[in-house]
Amino acid sequence: MHPEMIRVMADQHIGDLRAEARAGFTAKLARQARKARRNRRTADPLAGVRVPDYIDGTFHDEERTGQDQPAQTVR
């Protein structure tokens, strides 16, 4: 065979292998995305987030220091 024909056939074969590899990679990403969507649906993404009760960042169940106490109004 002529070297140019061998080179073209090899390039075509390599291109086919690369296309197959890309298709496999795309399929793997799709499977991972479907799995992530299934798992995300059951878990609450905000389950571990606590929102402070007071503006200074404390919560009702925490001990507040004297500085953190609101000022007493004198009448």
Protein backbone atom coordinates (compact mmCIF):
# COMPACT_ATOMS: atom_id res chain seq x y z
CA MET A 1 0.00 0.00 0.00
CA HIS A 2 1.03 3.54 -0.58
CA PRO A 3 2.20 5.39 2.55
CA GLU A 4 -0.35 8.17 2.02
CA MET A 5 -3.21 5.65 1.97
CA ILE A 6 -1.92 4.02 5.15
CA ARG A 7 -1.65 7.43 6.81
CA VAL A 8 -5.23 8.37 5.80
CA MET A 9 -6.60 5.05 7.01
CA ALA A 10 -4.74 5.41 10.33
CA ASP A 11 -6.05 8.97 10.77
CA GLN A 12 -9.59 7.79 10.07
CA HIS A 13 -9.24 4.92 12.54
CA ILE A 14 -7.84 7.26 15.22
CA GLY A 15 -10.68 9.71 14.56
CA ASP A 16 -13.22 6.91 14.98
CA LEU A 17 -11.61 5.85 18.27
CA ARG A 18 -11.64 9.44 19.54
CA ALA A 19 -15.29 9.88 18.59
CA GLU A 20 -16.16 6.68 20.44
CA ALA A 21 -14.22 7.86 23.49
CA ARG A 22 -16.01 11.23 23.45
CA ALA A 23 -19.37 9.49 23.19
CA GLY A 24 -18.49 7.27 26.15
CA PHE A 25 -17.37 10.27 28.19
CA THR A 26 -20.58 12.15 27.35
CA ALA A 27 -22.66 9.13 28.36
CA LYS A 28 -20.75 8.88 31.65
CA LEU A 29 -21.40 12.56 32.39
CA ALA A 30 -25.09 12.09 31.65
CA ARG A 31 -25.27 9.12 34.05
CA GLN A 32 -23.51 11.13 36.76
CA ALA A 33 -25.87 14.08 36.27
CA ARG A 34 -28.96 11.85 36.50
CA LYS A 35 -27.59 10.23 39.67
CA ALA A 36 -26.83 13.63 41.21
CA ARG A 37 -30.36 14.86 40.43
CA ARG A 38 -31.87 11.75 42.04
CA ASN A 39 -29.76 12.16 45.18
CA ARG A 40 -30.36 15.91 45.41
CA ARG A 41 -34.12 15.46 45.32
CA THR A 42 -34.10 13.50 48.60
CA ALA A 43 -31.70 15.75 50.50
CA ASP A 44 -32.54 19.30 51.57
CA PRO A 45 -29.66 21.55 50.47
CA LEU A 46 -30.33 23.96 53.39
CA ALA A 47 -30.59 21.31 56.09
CA GLY A 48 -27.33 22.30 57.84
CA VAL A 49 -27.77 26.08 57.55
CA ARG A 50 -28.68 27.93 60.71
CA VAL A 51 -30.11 31.44 60.48
CA PRO A 52 -29.32 33.67 63.49
CA ASP A 53 -32.23 34.92 65.57
CA TYR A 54 -30.62 38.24 66.43
CA ILE A 55 -28.85 40.87 64.34
CA ASP A 56 -25.57 40.26 66.21
CA GLY A 57 -25.52 36.68 64.94
CA THR A 58 -26.61 34.88 68.10
CA PHE A 59 -29.40 32.39 68.58
CA HIS A 60 -32.20 32.07 71.16
CA ASP A 61 -30.48 29.12 72.84
CA GLU A 62 -27.09 30.88 73.21
CA GLU A 63 -26.06 32.97 76.19
CA ARG A 64 -25.87 36.66 75.29
CA THR A 65 -23.21 38.82 76.95
CA GLY A 66 -23.82 42.23 78.49
CA GLN A 67 -22.56 44.03 75.40
CA ASP A 68 -24.95 42.11 73.22
CA GLN A 69 -27.99 42.98 75.34
CA PRO A 70 -30.19 45.73 73.93
CA ALA A 71 -29.98 49.02 75.80
CA GLN A 72 -32.55 49.52 78.55
CA THR A 73 -34.71 52.57 78.02
CA VAL A 74 -35.04 54.86 81.03
CA ARG A 75 -38.40 56.52 81.52
